[in-house]
PDB file of all heavy atoms in Angstrom:
ATOM      1  N   LYS A   1     -69.494  43.299  -5.161  1.00  0.00           N
ATOM      2  CA  LYS A   1     -69.723  42.164  -4.244  1.00  0.00           C
ATOM      3  C   LYS A   1     -68.483  41.268  -4.158  1.00  0.00           C
ATOM      4  O   LYS A   1     -68.515  40.078  -4.505  1.00  0.00           O
ATOM      5  CB  LYS A   1     -70.943  41.354  -4.679  1.00  0.00           C
ATOM      6  CG  LYS A   1     -72.252  42.118  -4.619  1.00  0.00           C
ATOM      7  CD  LYS A   1     -73.427  41.266  -5.072  1.00  0.00           C
ATOM      8  CE  LYS A   1     -74.753  41.988  -4.888  1.00  0.00           C
ATOM      9  NZ  LYS A   1     -74.832  43.247  -5.657  1.00  0.00           N
ATOM     10  N   PRO A   2     -67.367  41.802  -3.667  1.00  0.00           N
ATOM     11  CA  PRO A   2     -66.115  41.035  -3.645  1.00  0.00           C
ATOM     12  C   PRO A   2     -66.132  39.923  -2.600  1.00  0.00           C
ATOM     13  O   PRO A   2     -66.897  39.970  -1.625  1.00  0.00           O
ATOM     14  CB  PRO A   2     -65.080  42.099  -3.271  1.00  0.00           C
ATOM     15  CG  PRO A   2     -65.847  43.055  -2.411  1.00  0.00           C
ATOM     16  CD  PRO A   2     -67.209  43.130  -3.052  1.00  0.00           C
ATOM     17  N   ASP A   3     -65.273  38.950  -2.806  1.00  0.00           N
ATOM     18  CA  ASP A   3     -65.076  37.884  -1.829  1.00  0.00           C
ATOM     19  C   ASP A   3     -64.114  38.325  -0.729  1.00  0.00           C
ATOM     20  O   ASP A   3     -64.124  37.747   0.365  1.00  0.00           O
ATOM     21  CB  ASP A   3     -64.535  36.631  -2.522  1.00  0.00           C
ATOM     22  CG  ASP A   3     -65.535  36.070  -3.523  1.00  0.00           C
ATOM     23  OD1 ASP A   3     -66.496  35.421  -3.084  1.00  0.00           O
ATOM     24  OD2 ASP A   3     -65.361  36.312  -4.741  1.00  0.00           O
ATOM     25  N   ALA A   4     -63.282  39.317  -1.018  1.00  0.00           N
ATOM     26  CA  ALA A   4     -62.338  39.844  -0.039  1.00  0.00           C
ATOM     27  C   ALA A   4     -61.925  41.246  -0.462  1.00  0.00           C
ATOM     28  O   ALA A   4     -62.094  41.645  -1.625  1.00  0.00           O
ATOM     29  CB  ALA A   4     -61.118  38.936   0.096  1.00  0.00           C
ATOM     30  N   ILE A   5     -61.384  41.997   0.491  1.00  0.00           N
ATOM     31  CA  ILE A   5     -60.914  43.364   0.251  1.00  0.00           C
ATOM     32  C   ILE A   5     -59.522  43.500   0.848  1.00  0.00           C
ATOM     33  O   ILE A   5     -59.250  42.996   1.934  1.00  0.00           O
ATOM     34  CB  ILE A   5     -61.839  44.407   0.911  1.00  0.00           C
ATOM     35  CG1 ILE A   5     -63.266  44.310   0.355  1.00  0.00           C
ATOM     36  CG2 ILE A   5     -61.294  45.823   0.716  1.00  0.00           C
ATOM     37  CD1 ILE A   5     -64.282  45.131   1.135  1.00  0.00           C
ATOM     38  N   MET A   6     -58.627  44.193   0.135  1.00  0.00           N
ATOM     39  CA  MET A   6     -57.337  44.578   0.687  1.00  0.00           C
ATOM     40  C   MET A   6     -57.242  46.095   0.649  1.00  0.00           C
ATOM     41  O   MET A   6     -57.579  46.717  -0.363  1.00  0.00           O
ATOM     42  CB  MET A   6     -56.182  43.960  -0.097  1.00  0.00           C
ATOM     43  CG  MET A   6     -56.112  42.452  -0.002  1.00  0.00           C
ATOM     44  SD  MET A   6     -54.638  41.770  -0.810  1.00  0.00           S
ATOM     45  CE  MET A   6     -53.376  42.216   0.384  1.00  0.00           C
ATOM     46  N   THR A   7     -56.810  46.699   1.768  1.00  0.00           N
ATOM     47  CA  THR A   7     -56.603  48.146   1.815  1.00  0.00           C
ATOM     48  C   THR A   7     -55.114  48.429   1.949  1.00  0.00           C
ATOM     49  O   THR A   7     -54.395  47.689   2.625  1.00  0.00           O
ATOM     50  CB  THR A   7     -57.346  48.785   3.003  1.00  0.00           C
ATOM     51  OG1 THR A   7     -56.849  48.240   4.239  1.00  0.00           O
ATOM     52  CG2 THR A   7     -58.847  48.519   2.910  1.00  0.00           C
ATOM     53  N   PHE A   8     -54.656  49.497   1.297  1.00  0.00           N
ATOM     54  CA  PHE A   8     -53.243  49.841   1.296  1.00  0.00           C
ATOM     55  C   PHE A   8     -53.060  51.263   1.810  1.00  0.00           C
ATOM     56  O   PHE A   8     -53.309  52.230   1.100  1.00  0.00           O
ATOM     57  CB  PHE A   8     -52.658  49.674  -0.100  1.00  0.00           C
ATOM     58  CG  PHE A   8     -52.649  48.239  -0.554  1.00  0.00           C
ATOM     59  CD1 PHE A   8     -53.753  47.689  -1.157  1.00  0.00           C
ATOM     60  CD2 PHE A   8     -51.538  47.444  -0.316  1.00  0.00           C
ATOM     61  CE1 PHE A   8     -53.766  46.361  -1.549  1.00  0.00           C
ATOM     62  CE2 PHE A   8     -51.540  46.110  -0.706  1.00  0.00           C
ATOM     63  CZ  PHE A   8     -52.651  45.568  -1.322  1.00  0.00           C
ATOM     64  N   GLY A   9     -52.612  51.376   3.070  1.00  0.00           N
ATOM     65  CA  GLY A   9     -52.442  52.672   3.704  1.00  0.00           C
ATOM     66  C   GLY A   9     -53.544  52.962   4.695  1.00  0.00           C
ATOM     67  O   GLY A   9     -54.656  52.428   4.606  1.00  0.00           O
ATOM     68  N   ALA A  10     -53.242  53.839   5.652  1.00  0.00           N
ATOM     69  CA  ALA A  10     -54.189  54.154   6.723  1.00  0.00           C
ATOM     70  C   ALA A  10     -55.476  54.770   6.196  1.00  0.00           C
ATOM     71  O   ALA A  10     -56.579  54.452   6.661  1.00  0.00           O
ATOM     72  CB  ALA A  10     -53.522  55.090   7.732  1.00  0.00           C
ATOM     73  N   LEU A  11     -55.352  55.668   5.222  1.00  0.00           N
ATOM     74  CA  LEU A  11     -56.549  56.333   4.704  1.00  0.00           C
ATOM     75  C   LEU A  11     -57.440  55.370   3.926  1.00  0.00           C
ATOM     76  O   LEU A  11     -58.661  55.500   3.945  1.00  0.00           O
ATOM     77  CB  LEU A  11     -56.155  57.524   3.829  1.00  0.00           C
ATOM     78  CG  LEU A  11     -55.531  58.702   4.561  1.00  0.00           C
ATOM     79  CD1 LEU A  11     -55.044  59.759   3.576  1.00  0.00           C
ATOM     80  CD2 LEU A  11     -56.534  59.330   5.535  1.00  0.00           C
ATOM     81  N   ALA A  12     -56.828  54.405   3.249  1.00  0.00           N
ATOM     82  CA  ALA A  12     -57.625  53.397   2.541  1.00  0.00           C
ATOM     83  C   ALA A  12     -58.429  52.575   3.541  1.00  0.00           C
ATOM     84  O   ALA A  12     -59.609  52.269   3.316  1.00  0.00           O
ATOM     85  CB  ALA A  12     -56.729  52.500   1.710  1.00  0.00           C
ATOM     86  N   LEU A  13     -57.806  52.214   4.650  1.00  0.00           N
ATOM     87  CA  LEU A  13     -58.513  51.486   5.704  1.00  0.00           C
ATOM     88  C   LEU A  13     -59.657  52.324   6.265  1.00  0.00           C
ATOM     89  O   LEU A  13     -60.769  51.835   6.476  1.00  0.00           O
ATOM     90  CB  LEU A  13     -57.540  51.108   6.819  1.00  0.00           C
ATOM     91  CG  LEU A  13     -58.140  50.440   8.058  1.00  0.00           C
ATOM     92  CD1 LEU A  13     -58.817  49.123   7.704  1.00  0.00           C
ATOM     93  CD2 LEU A  13     -57.055  50.232   9.119  1.00  0.00           C
ATOM     94  N   GLN A  14     -59.385  53.619   6.479  1.00  0.00           N
ATOM     95  CA  GLN A  14     -60.397  54.501   7.058  1.00  0.00           C
ATOM     96  C   GLN A  14     -61.555  54.784   6.103  1.00  0.00           C
ATOM     97  O   GLN A  14     -62.596  55.267   6.535  1.00  0.00           O
ATOM     98  CB  GLN A  14     -59.749  55.805   7.513  1.00  0.00           C
ATOM     99  CG  GLN A  14     -58.841  55.622   8.726  1.00  0.00           C
ATOM    100  CD  GLN A  14     -58.156  56.895   9.141  1.00  0.00           C
ATOM    101  OE1 GLN A  14     -58.799  57.894   9.458  1.00  0.00           O
ATOM    102  NE2 GLN A  14     -56.828  56.879   9.142  1.00  0.00           N
ATOM    103  N   SER A  15     -61.368  54.485   4.832  1.00  0.00           N
ATOM    104  CA  SER A  15     -62.497  54.629   3.911  1.00  0.00           C
ATOM    105  C   SER A  15     -63.579  53.589   4.203  1.00  0.00           C
ATOM    106  O   SER A  15     -64.725  53.734   3.780  1.00  0.00           O
ATOM    107  CB  SER A  15     -62.036  54.505   2.454  1.00  0.00           C
ATOM    108  OG  SER A  15     -61.670  53.164   2.143  1.00  0.00           O
ATOM    109  N   LEU A  16     -63.196  52.535   4.928  1.00  0.00           N
ATOM    110  CA  LEU A  16     -64.156  51.503   5.327  1.00  0.00           C
ATOM    111  C   LEU A  16     -64.542  51.640   6.793  1.00  0.00           C
ATOM    112  O   LEU A  16     -65.732  51.649   7.134  1.00  0.00           O
ATOM    113  CB  LEU A  16     -63.568  50.110   5.090  1.00  0.00           C
ATOM    114  CG  LEU A  16     -63.160  49.759   3.659  1.00  0.00           C
ATOM    115  CD1 LEU A  16     -62.617  48.335   3.612  1.00  0.00           C
ATOM    116  CD2 LEU A  16     -64.345  49.906   2.705  1.00  0.00           C
ATOM    117  N   VAL A  17     -63.547  51.703   7.657  1.00  0.00           N
ATOM    118  CA  VAL A  17     -63.784  51.788   9.100  1.00  0.00           C
ATOM    119  C   VAL A  17     -62.778  52.738   9.725  1.00  0.00           C
ATOM    120  O   VAL A  17     -61.620  52.787   9.306  1.00  0.00           O
ATOM    121  CB  VAL A  17     -63.679  50.404   9.776  1.00  0.00           C
ATOM    122  CG1 VAL A  17     -64.804  49.490   9.322  1.00  0.00           C
ATOM    123  CG2 VAL A  17     -62.330  49.756   9.497  1.00  0.00           C
ATOM    124  N   GLU A  18     -63.205  53.483  10.711  1.00  0.00           N
ATOM    125  CA  GLU A  18     -62.314  54.381  11.442  1.00  0.00           C
ATOM    126  C   GLU A  18     -62.110  53.842  12.854  1.00  0.00           C
ATOM    127  O   GLU A  18     -62.852  52.984  13.325  1.00  0.00           O
ATOM    128  CB  GLU A  18     -62.888  55.805  11.470  1.00  0.00           C
ATOM    129  CG  GLU A  18     -62.976  56.436  10.094  1.00  0.00           C
ATOM    130  CD  GLU A  18     -63.384  57.912  10.143  1.00  0.00           C
ATOM    131  OE1 GLU A  18     -63.024  58.592  11.123  1.00  0.00           O
ATOM    132  OE2 GLU A  18     -64.065  58.367   9.205  1.00  0.00           O
ATOM    133  N   GLY A  19     -61.088  54.352  13.506  1.00  0.00           N
ATOM    134  CA  GLY A  19     -60.842  53.950  14.885  1.00  0.00           C
ATOM    135  C   GLY A  19     -59.877  52.798  15.050  1.00  0.00           C
ATOM    136  O   GLY A  19     -59.659  52.318  16.158  1.00  0.00           O
ATOM    137  N   HIS A  20     -59.276  52.340  13.938  1.00  0.00           N
ATOM    138  CA  HIS A  20     -58.299  51.259  13.999  1.00  0.00           C
ATOM    139  C   HIS A  20     -56.916  51.794  13.670  1.00  0.00           C
ATOM    140  O   HIS A  20     -56.765  52.644  12.798  1.00  0.00           O
ATOM    141  CB  HIS A  20     -58.644  50.143  13.012  1.00  0.00           C
ATOM    142  CG  HIS A  20     -59.890  49.385  13.350  1.00  0.00           C
ATOM    143  ND1 HIS A  20     -59.909  48.368  14.274  1.00  0.00           N
ATOM    144  CD2 HIS A  20     -61.153  49.502  12.881  1.00  0.00           C
ATOM    145  CE1 HIS A  20     -61.136  47.884  14.372  1.00  0.00           C
ATOM    146  NE2 HIS A  20     -61.914  48.552  13.531  1.00  0.00           N
ATOM    147  N   LYS A  21     -55.896  51.297  14.349  1.00  0.00           N
ATOM    148  CA  LYS A  21     -54.521  51.671  14.060  1.00  0.00           C
ATOM    149  C   LYS A  21     -53.957  50.696  13.028  1.00  0.00           C
ATOM    150  O   LYS A  21     -53.931  49.483  13.262  1.00  0.00           O
ATOM    151  CB  LYS A  21     -53.682  51.643  15.336  1.00  0.00           C
ATOM    152  CG  LYS A  21     -52.293  52.236  15.165  1.00  0.00           C
ATOM    153  CD  LYS A  21     -51.573  52.313  16.513  1.00  0.00           C
ATOM    154  CE  LYS A  21     -50.194  52.947  16.339  1.00  0.00           C
ATOM    155  NZ  LYS A  21     -49.480  53.023  17.638  1.00  0.00           N
ATOM    156  N   LEU A  22     -53.500  51.213  11.904  1.00  0.00           N
ATOM    157  CA  LEU A  22     -53.050  50.363  10.802  1.00  0.00           C
ATOM    158  C   LEU A  22     -51.957  49.391  11.229  1.00  0.00           C
ATOM    159  O   LEU A  22     -52.006  48.208  10.897  1.00  0.00           O
ATOM    160  CB  LEU A  22     -52.560  51.228   9.636  1.00  0.00           C
ATOM    161  CG  LEU A  22     -51.973  50.465   8.442  1.00  0.00           C
ATOM    162  CD1 LEU A  22     -53.027  49.577   7.794  1.00  0.00           C
ATOM    163  CD2 LEU A  22     -51.384  51.435   7.419  1.00  0.00           C
ATOM    164  N   THR A  23     -50.959  49.881  11.976  1.00  0.00           N
ATOM    165  CA  THR A  23     -49.818  49.035  12.310  1.00  0.00           C
ATOM    166  C   THR A  23     -50.209  47.814  13.135  1.00  0.00           C
ATOM    167  O   THR A  23     -49.520  46.802  13.111  1.00  0.00           O
ATOM    168  CB  THR A  23     -48.752  49.842  13.074  1.00  0.00           C
ATOM    169  OG1 THR A  23     -49.371  50.501  14.198  1.00  0.00           O
ATOM    170  CG2 THR A  23     -48.109  50.881  12.175  1.00  0.00           C
ATOM    171  N   SER A  24     -51.315  47.908  13.860  1.00  0.00           N
ATOM    172  CA  SER A  24     -51.752  46.770  14.673  1.00  0.00           C
ATOM    173  C   SER A  24     -52.549  45.758  13.860  1.00  0.00           C
ATOM    174  O   SER A  24     -52.830  44.658  14.340  1.00  0.00           O
ATOM    175  CB  SER A  24     -52.597  47.262  15.857  1.00  0.00           C
ATOM    176  OG  SER A  24     -53.829  47.813  15.411  1.00  0.00           O
ATOM    177  N   LEU A  25     -52.916  46.120  12.621  1.00  0.00           N
ATOM    178  CA  LEU A  25     -53.754  45.246  11.810  1.00  0.00           C
ATOM    179  C   LEU A  25     -53.028  44.609  10.634  1.00  0.00           C
ATOM    180  O   LEU A  25     -53.514  43.643  10.048  1.00  0.00           O
ATOM    181  CB  LEU A  25     -54.958  46.030  11.270  1.00  0.00           C
ATOM    182  CG  LEU A  25     -55.981  46.504  12.302  1.00  0.00           C
ATOM    183  CD1 LEU A  25     -57.088  47.304  11.617  1.00  0.00           C
ATOM    184  CD2 LEU A  25     -56.575  45.333  13.066  1.00  0.00           C
ATOM    185  N   VAL A  26     -51.869  45.162  10.252  1.00  0.00           N
ATOM    186  CA  VAL A  26     -51.135  44.609   9.111  1.00  0.00           C
ATOM    187  C   VAL A  26     -50.761  43.150   9.387  1.00  0.00           C
ATOM    188  O   VAL A  26     -50.231  42.822  10.446  1.00  0.00           O
ATOM    189  CB  VAL A  26     -49.861  45.422   8.815  1.00  0.00           C
ATOM    190  CG1 VAL A  26     -48.977  44.715   7.789  1.00  0.00           C
ATOM    191  CG2 VAL A  26     -50.236  46.806   8.316  1.00  0.00           C
ATOM    192  N   GLY A  27     -51.075  42.280   8.444  1.00  0.00           N
ATOM    193  CA  GLY A  27     -50.843  40.856   8.626  1.00  0.00           C
ATOM    194  C   GLY A  27     -52.024  40.138   9.237  1.00  0.00           C
ATOM    195  O   GLY A  27     -52.017  38.916   9.359  1.00  0.00           O
ATOM    196  N   GLY A  28     -53.064  40.882   9.600  1.00  0.00           N
ATOM    197  CA  GLY A  28     -54.278  40.300  10.150  1.00  0.00           C
ATOM    198  C   GLY A  28     -55.478  40.675   9.301  1.00  0.00           C
ATOM    199  O   GLY A  28     -55.336  41.066   8.144  1.00  0.00           O
ATOM    200  N   SER A  29     -56.653  40.575   9.875  1.00  0.00           N
ATOM    201  CA  SER A  29     -57.858  40.906   9.113  1.00  0.00           C
ATOM    202  C   SER A  29     -58.966  41.389  10.032  1.00  0.00           C
ATOM    203  O   SER A  29     -58.957  41.121  11.241  1.00  0.00           O
ATOM    204  CB  SER A  29     -58.344  39.689   8.316  1.00  0.00           C
ATOM    205  OG  SER A  29     -58.789  38.656   9.192  1.00  0.00           O
ATOM    206  N   ILE A  30     -59.889  42.141   9.448  1.00  0.00           N
ATOM    207  CA  ILE A  30     -61.126  42.539  10.104  1.00  0.00           C
ATOM    208  C   ILE A  30     -62.250  42.223   9.112  1.00  0.00           C
ATOM    209  O   ILE A  30     -62.004  41.655   8.052  1.00  0.00           O
ATOM    210  CB  ILE A  30     -61.128  44.044  10.466  1.00  0.00           C
ATOM    211  CG1 ILE A  30     -60.904  44.913   9.203  1.00  0.00           C
ATOM    212  CG2 ILE A  30     -60.060  44.349  11.504  1.00  0.00           C
ATOM    213  CD1 ILE A  30     -61.022  46.409   9.476  1.00  0.00           C
ATOM    214  N   THR A  31     -63.475  42.553   9.458  1.00  0.00           N
ATOM    215  CA  THR A  31     -64.575  42.334   8.523  1.00  0.00           C
ATOM    216  C   THR A  31     -65.312  43.641   8.259  1.00  0.00           C
ATOM    217  O   THR A  31     -65.369  44.526   9.116  1.00  0.00           O
ATOM    218  CB  THR A  31     -65.579  41.290   9.044  1.00  0.00           C
ATOM    219  OG1 THR A  31     -66.114  41.728  10.306  1.00  0.00           O
ATOM    220  CG2 THR A  31     -64.916  39.933   9.205  1.00  0.00           C
ATOM    221  N   TYR A  32     -65.857  43.733   7.063  1.00  0.00           N
ATOM    222  CA  TYR A  32     -66.676  44.880   6.659  1.00  0.00           C
ATOM    223  C   TYR A  32     -67.944  44.308   6.039  1.00  0.00           C
ATOM    224  O   TYR A  32     -67.894  43.716   4.963  1.00  0.00           O
ATOM    225  CB  TYR A  32     -65.912  45.746   5.660  1.00  0.00           C
ATOM    226  CG  TYR A  32     -66.724  46.884   5.079  1.00  0.00           C
ATOM    227  CD1 TYR A  32     -66.909  48.063   5.790  1.00  0.00           C
ATOM    228  CD2 TYR A  32     -67.315  46.768   3.816  1.00  0.00           C
ATOM    229  CE1 TYR A  32     -67.651  49.109   5.257  1.00  0.00           C
ATOM    230  CE2 TYR A  32     -68.058  47.808   3.279  1.00  0.00           C
ATOM    231  CZ  TYR A  32     -68.231  48.976   4.011  1.00  0.00           C
ATOM    232  OH  TYR A  32     -68.977  50.005   3.479  1.00  0.00           O
ATOM    233  N   HIS A  33     -69.043  44.446   6.745  1.00  0.00           N
ATOM    234  CA  HIS A  33     -70.316  43.882   6.292  1.00  0.00           C
ATOM    235  C   HIS A  33     -70.169  42.406   5.891  1.00  0.00           C
ATOM    236  O   HIS A  33     -70.692  41.967   4.863  1.00  0.00           O
ATOM    237  CB  HIS A  33     -70.883  44.697   5.131  1.00  0.00           C
ATOM    238  CG  HIS A  33     -71.233  46.109   5.498  1.00  0.00           C
ATOM    239  ND1 HIS A  33     -72.132  46.422   6.492  1.00  0.00           N
ATOM    240  CD2 HIS A  33     -70.787  47.291   5.006  1.00  0.00           C
ATOM    241  CE1 HIS A  33     -72.238  47.749   6.595  1.00  0.00           C
ATOM    242  NE2 HIS A  33     -71.427  48.296   5.719  1.00  0.00           N
TER     243      HIS A  33
END
């Protein structure tokens, strides 16, 4: 039950959500549940 999550690399991001381009999200944020 973390307060925040950081993903490192495209595959780490895809372990949560697919369909996003990593380079467009670095330096920003999305939400997961």
